[in-house]
Amino acid sequence: MEVSRLRQTLRRLSTLKLRLIEPPWLTPLAFPIWAESLRTQTLSSENWGDRIRRMVAELESRAEGKEPNRA
């Protein structure tokens, strides 16, 4: 590991402005965390697997540039 390069990179990063951006829907990295957190919640009569399948379909529609079907 090159400590000098790491130190230089950390110094450069410390001068940058942090921008937090809230995406309008779940991102691919956030989806597994969200799905796992649902496992412990019982907010509706819909079962966990059905809810996950519905959200996958919605996210895939958005990725294709379509508006998701809402029932």
Protein backbone atom coordinates (compact mmCIF):
# COMPACT_ATOMS: atom_id res chain seq x y z
CA MET A 1 0.00 0.00 0.00
CA GLU A 2 1.30 3.40 -0.90
CA VAL A 3 0.84 5.51 2.20
CA SER A 4 1.93 8.71 0.48
CA ARG A 5 -0.71 8.30 -2.27
CA LEU A 6 -3.36 7.52 0.31
CA ARG A 7 -2.37 10.57 2.37
CA GLN A 8 -2.44 12.77 -0.75
CA THR A 9 -5.86 11.46 -1.75
CA LEU A 10 -7.28 12.00 1.73
CA ARG A 11 -5.97 15.57 1.77
CA ARG A 12 -7.53 16.25 -1.63
CA LEU A 13 -10.83 14.74 -0.55
CA SER A 14 -10.88 16.81 2.62
CA THR A 15 -10.94 19.99 0.51
CA LEU A 16 -13.95 18.94 -1.55
CA LYS A 17 -17.49 19.95 -0.75
CA LEU A 18 -19.76 17.07 0.25
CA ARG A 19 -22.98 16.84 -1.75
CA LEU A 20 -25.77 14.65 -0.45
CA ILE A 21 -28.28 13.72 -3.12
CA GLU A 22 -31.50 11.95 -2.27
CA PRO A 23 -32.57 9.83 -5.25
CA PRO A 24 -36.30 9.78 -6.08
CA TRP A 25 -36.43 5.96 -5.72
CA LEU A 26 -34.31 3.11 -4.41
CA THR A 27 -30.91 2.59 -5.98
CA PRO A 28 -29.48 -0.86 -6.78
CA LEU A 29 -27.22 -0.68 -3.72
CA ALA A 30 -30.03 0.44 -1.41
CA PHE A 31 -32.54 -2.18 -2.52
CA PRO A 32 -31.12 -5.16 -0.56
CA ILE A 33 -30.92 -3.08 2.62
CA TRP A 34 -34.50 -1.91 2.17
CA ALA A 35 -35.72 -5.44 1.44
CA GLU A 36 -34.04 -6.86 4.52
CA SER A 37 -35.47 -4.12 6.74
CA LEU A 38 -38.96 -5.02 5.50
CA ARG A 39 -38.53 -8.55 6.79
CA THR A 40 -38.85 -7.30 10.37
CA GLN A 41 -41.80 -4.97 9.70
CA THR A 42 -45.45 -5.88 9.39
CA LEU A 43 -47.03 -2.72 8.05
CA SER A 44 -49.56 -4.30 5.72
CA SER A 45 -51.32 -7.56 4.96
CA GLU A 46 -49.11 -8.00 1.89
CA ASN A 47 -46.49 -10.70 2.44
CA TRP A 48 -42.78 -9.92 2.21
CA GLY A 49 -42.12 -11.82 -1.04
CA ASP A 50 -45.06 -10.21 -2.83
CA ARG A 51 -43.98 -6.75 -1.74
CA ILE A 52 -40.40 -7.35 -2.91
CA ARG A 53 -41.60 -8.66 -6.30
CA ARG A 54 -43.84 -5.61 -6.72
CA MET A 55 -40.98 -3.23 -5.90
CA VAL A 56 -38.61 -5.04 -8.29
CA ALA A 57 -41.15 -4.64 -11.08
CA GLU A 58 -41.54 -0.94 -10.25
CA LEU A 59 -37.78 -0.32 -10.20
CA GLU A 60 -37.30 -2.19 -13.47
CA SER A 61 -40.02 -0.08 -15.09
CA ARG A 62 -38.29 3.09 -13.92
CA ALA A 63 -34.93 1.81 -15.22
CA GLU A 64 -36.53 1.32 -18.64
CA GLY A 65 -37.85 4.87 -18.54
CA LYS A 66 -41.48 3.86 -18.03
CA GLU A 67 -43.84 5.04 -15.33
CA PRO A 68 -44.59 2.11 -13.00
CA ASN A 69 -48.08 0.60 -12.92
CA ARG A 70 -49.78 1.50 -9.67
CA ALA A 71 -52.79 -0.49 -8.60
